[in-house]
């Protein structure tokens, strides 16, 4: 099993920045995908950004150019730097870990990001 520990959410004004972190531990294969999804009230969970163990990334269109995903493979940690935040970015952000070898997906507990003046 994989355990995920998230940190970094909070309240920020429009135009501000936040950085989310997610550390994975447990049965981690070397081939994996880590990233972030988000869910706003009354909406479905949606992709924000993911990064694979080879460094390849994929971003949702609404966050391109504003968010940057990165990982420290030695620490099994993924980061999401969020700049130029907008009120529509308000959501619970969930860390995502896909273990390719073991064909499993693990979700974090979620961290609230609120963008408001």
C-alpha atoms as a PDB file:
ATOM      1  CA  UNK A   1       0.000   0.000   0.000  1.00  0.00           C
ATOM      2  CA  UNK A   2       0.934   3.618  -0.536  1.00  0.00           C
ATOM      3  CA  UNK A   3       0.361   6.425   1.954  1.00  0.00           C
ATOM      4  CA  UNK A   4       0.173  10.074   0.898  1.00  0.00           C
ATOM      5  CA  UNK A   5       0.677  13.097   3.144  1.00  0.00           C
ATOM      6  CA  UNK A   6      -0.348  16.469   1.703  1.00  0.00           C
ATOM      7  CA  UNK A   7       0.469  19.953   2.908  1.00  0.00           C
ATOM      8  CA  UNK A   8       0.370  23.552   1.774  1.00  0.00           C
ATOM      9  CA  UNK A   9      -3.262  24.516   1.259  1.00  0.00           C
ATOM     10  CA  UNK A  10      -4.827  27.647   2.660  1.00  0.00           C
ATOM     11  CA  UNK A  11      -6.437  30.997   1.958  1.00  0.00           C
ATOM     12  CA  UNK A  12      -4.863  33.387  -0.533  1.00  0.00           C
ATOM     13  CA  UNK A  13      -5.952  36.530  -2.320  1.00  0.00           C
ATOM     14  CA  UNK A  14      -6.513  36.583  -6.085  1.00  0.00           C
ATOM     15  CA  UNK A  15      -3.189  36.905  -7.860  1.00  0.00           C
ATOM     16  CA  UNK A  16      -1.352  35.240  -5.004  1.00  0.00           C
ATOM     17  CA  UNK A  17       0.642  32.023  -4.842  1.00  0.00           C
ATOM     18  CA  UNK A  18       0.625  28.768  -2.932  1.00  0.00           C
ATOM     19  CA  UNK A  19       2.717  25.626  -3.048  1.00  0.00           C
ATOM     20  CA  UNK A  20       1.300  22.194  -2.359  1.00  0.00           C
ATOM     21  CA  UNK A  21       3.410  19.207  -1.385  1.00  0.00           C
ATOM     22  CA  UNK A  22       2.612  15.505  -1.274  1.00  0.00           C
ATOM     23  CA  UNK A  23       4.942  12.866   0.092  1.00  0.00           C
ATOM     24  CA  UNK A  24       4.420   9.212  -0.750  1.00  0.00           C
ATOM     25  CA  UNK A  25       5.579   6.255   1.310  1.00  0.00           C
ATOM     26  CA  UNK A  26       5.030   2.513   1.338  1.00  0.00           C
ATOM     27  CA  UNK A  27       5.080   0.093  -1.595  1.00  0.00           C
ATOM     28  CA  UNK A  28       6.255   2.453  -4.329  1.00  0.00           C
ATOM     29  CA  UNK A  29       7.335   1.129  -7.679  1.00  0.00           C
ATOM     30  CA  UNK A  30       9.975   2.998  -9.634  1.00  0.00           C
ATOM     31  CA  UNK A  31       7.505   3.498 -12.476  1.00  0.00           C
ATOM     32  CA  UNK A  32       4.686   5.726 -11.324  1.00  0.00           C
ATOM     33  CA  UNK A  33       2.664   8.854 -11.896  1.00  0.00           C
ATOM     34  CA  UNK A  34       2.109  11.521  -9.248  1.00  0.00           C
ATOM     35  CA  UNK A  35       0.029  14.611  -9.396  1.00  0.00           C
ATOM     36  CA  UNK A  36      -2.968  16.621  -8.361  1.00  0.00           C
ATOM     37  CA  UNK A  37      -6.684  16.653  -9.003  1.00  0.00           C
ATOM     38  CA  UNK A  38      -9.197  19.105  -7.576  1.00  0.00           C
ATOM     39  CA  UNK A  39     -12.866  19.176  -6.748  1.00  0.00           C
ATOM     40  CA  UNK A  40     -14.924  22.323  -6.317  1.00  0.00           C
ATOM     41  CA  UNK A  41     -18.309  22.288  -4.552  1.00  0.00           C
ATOM     42  CA  UNK A  42     -20.966  20.768  -6.777  1.00  0.00           C
ATOM     43  CA  UNK A  43     -18.452  19.745  -9.436  1.00  0.00           C
ATOM     44  CA  UNK A  44     -16.687  16.563 -10.437  1.00  0.00           C
ATOM     45  CA  UNK A  45     -13.077  15.900  -9.540  1.00  0.00           C
ATOM     46  CA  UNK A  46     -10.840  17.094 -12.358  1.00  0.00           C
ATOM     47  CA  UNK A  47      -7.223  16.815 -13.390  1.00  0.00           C
ATOM     48  CA  UNK A  48      -4.911  19.674 -12.447  1.00  0.00           C
ATOM     49  CA  UNK A  49      -1.471  18.326 -13.335  1.00  0.00           C
ATOM     50  CA  UNK A  50       0.465  15.063 -13.283  1.00  0.00           C
ATOM     51  CA  UNK A  51       4.092  14.094 -13.695  1.00  0.00           C
ATOM     52  CA  UNK A  52       5.474  10.637 -14.393  1.00  0.00           C
ATOM     53  CA  UNK A  53       8.634   9.033 -13.097  1.00  0.00           C
ATOM     54  CA  UNK A  54      10.390  10.003 -16.321  1.00  0.00           C
ATOM     55  CA  UNK A  55       9.577  13.665 -15.793  1.00  0.00           C
ATOM     56  CA  UNK A  56       6.851  13.970 -18.382  1.00  0.00           C
ATOM     57  CA  UNK A  57       4.037  16.325 -17.424  1.00  0.00           C
ATOM     58  CA  UNK A  58       0.418  16.968 -18.332  1.00  0.00           C
ATOM     59  CA  UNK A  59      -1.564  20.054 -17.323  1.00  0.00           C
ATOM     60  CA  UNK A  60      -5.221  20.931 -17.507  1.00  0.00           C
ATOM     61  CA  UNK A  61      -5.834  23.860 -19.848  1.00  0.00           C
ATOM     62  CA  UNK A  62      -7.154  26.225 -17.119  1.00  0.00           C
ATOM     63  CA  UNK A  63      -3.867  26.073 -15.194  1.00  0.00           C
ATOM     64  CA  UNK A  64      -1.338  26.085 -18.032  1.00  0.00           C
ATOM     65  CA  UNK A  65       1.131  28.909 -17.651  1.00  0.00           C
ATOM     66  CA  UNK A  66       0.159  29.503 -14.010  1.00  0.00           C
ATOM     67  CA  UNK A  67       0.845  26.190 -12.241  1.00  0.00           C
ATOM     68  CA  UNK A  68       4.039  24.163 -12.286  1.00  0.00           C
ATOM     69  CA  UNK A  69       4.364  20.557 -11.170  1.00  0.00           C
ATOM     70  CA  UNK A  70       7.670  19.062 -10.105  1.00  0.00           C
ATOM     71  CA  UNK A  71       8.886  16.019  -8.250  1.00  0.00           C
ATOM     72  CA  UNK A  72      11.775  14.911  -6.096  1.00  0.00           C
ATOM     73  CA  UNK A  73      12.023  11.211  -6.862  1.00  0.00           C
ATOM     74  CA  UNK A  74      14.572  10.605  -4.103  1.00  0.00           C
ATOM     75  CA  UNK A  75      11.975  11.828  -1.578  1.00  0.00           C
ATOM     76  CA  UNK A  76       8.941  10.441  -3.447  1.00  0.00           C
ATOM     77  CA  UNK A  77       7.455  13.904  -3.220  1.00  0.00           C
ATOM     78  CA  UNK A  78       5.483  15.943  -5.728  1.00  0.00           C
ATOM     79  CA  UNK A  79       5.043  19.707  -5.618  1.00  0.00           C
ATOM     80  CA  UNK A  80       2.499  22.009  -7.220  1.00  0.00           C
ATOM     81  CA  UNK A  81       3.506  25.654  -7.454  1.00  0.00           C
ATOM     82  CA  UNK A  82       0.381  27.709  -8.062  1.00  0.00           C
ATOM     83  CA  UNK A  83       0.816  31.309  -9.200  1.00  0.00           C
ATOM     84  CA  UNK A  84      -1.641  33.965 -10.341  1.00  0.00           C
ATOM     85  CA  UNK A  85      -4.398  32.212  -8.445  1.00  0.00           C
ATOM     86  CA  UNK A  86      -7.991  32.962  -9.362  1.00  0.00           C
ATOM     87  CA  UNK A  87     -11.227  32.531  -7.387  1.00  0.00           C
ATOM     88  CA  UNK A  88     -12.147  29.701  -9.762  1.00  0.00           C
ATOM     89  CA  UNK A  89      -9.121  27.772  -8.507  1.00  0.00           C
ATOM     90  CA  UNK A  90     -10.898  27.392  -5.169  1.00  0.00           C
ATOM     91  CA  UNK A  91     -11.320  23.672  -4.499  1.00  0.00           C
ATOM     92  CA  UNK A  92     -10.139  20.735  -2.463  1.00  0.00           C
ATOM     93  CA  UNK A  93      -6.903  19.540  -4.023  1.00  0.00           C
ATOM     94  CA  UNK A  94      -6.192  15.813  -3.901  1.00  0.00           C
ATOM     95  CA  UNK A  95      -2.808  14.228  -4.318  1.00  0.00           C
ATOM     96  CA  UNK A  96      -2.795  11.331  -6.778  1.00  0.00           C
ATOM     97  CA  UNK A  97      -0.398   8.421  -6.999  1.00  0.00           C
ATOM     98  CA  UNK A  98      -0.607   5.757  -9.691  1.00  0.00           C
ATOM     99  CA  UNK A  99       1.582   2.732  -9.120  1.00  0.00           C
ATOM    100  CA  UNK A 100       2.144   1.382 -12.639  1.00  0.00           C
ATOM    101  CA  UNK A 101       3.764  -1.927 -11.694  1.00  0.00           C
ATOM    102  CA  UNK A 102       1.143  -2.792  -9.074  1.00  0.00           C
ATOM    103  CA  UNK A 103      -1.686  -1.257 -11.138  1.00  0.00           C
ATOM    104  CA  UNK A 104      -3.118   0.726  -8.242  1.00  0.00           C
ATOM    105  CA  UNK A 105      -4.208   4.290  -7.534  1.00  0.00           C
ATOM    106  CA  UNK A 106      -4.021   6.041  -4.193  1.00  0.00           C
ATOM    107  CA  UNK A 107      -5.627   9.369  -3.255  1.00  0.00           C
ATOM    108  CA  UNK A 108      -4.580  11.780  -0.558  1.00  0.00           C
ATOM    109  CA  UNK A 109      -7.028  13.108   2.005  1.00  0.00           C
ATOM    110  CA  UNK A 110      -7.319  16.468   0.252  1.00  0.00           C
ATOM    111  CA  UNK A 111      -6.240  19.971   1.152  1.00  0.00           C
ATOM    112  CA  UNK A 112      -8.427  23.059   0.829  1.00  0.00           C
ATOM    113  CA  UNK A 113      -7.308  25.926  -1.387  1.00  0.00           C
ATOM    114  CA  UNK A 114      -9.432  29.072  -1.165  1.00  0.00           C
ATOM    115  CA  UNK A 115      -8.802  32.088  -3.370  1.00  0.00           C
ATOM    116  CA  UNK A 116     -10.740  35.068  -2.120  1.00  0.00           C
ATOM    117  CA  UNK A 117     -10.325  38.733  -1.275  1.00  0.00           C
END
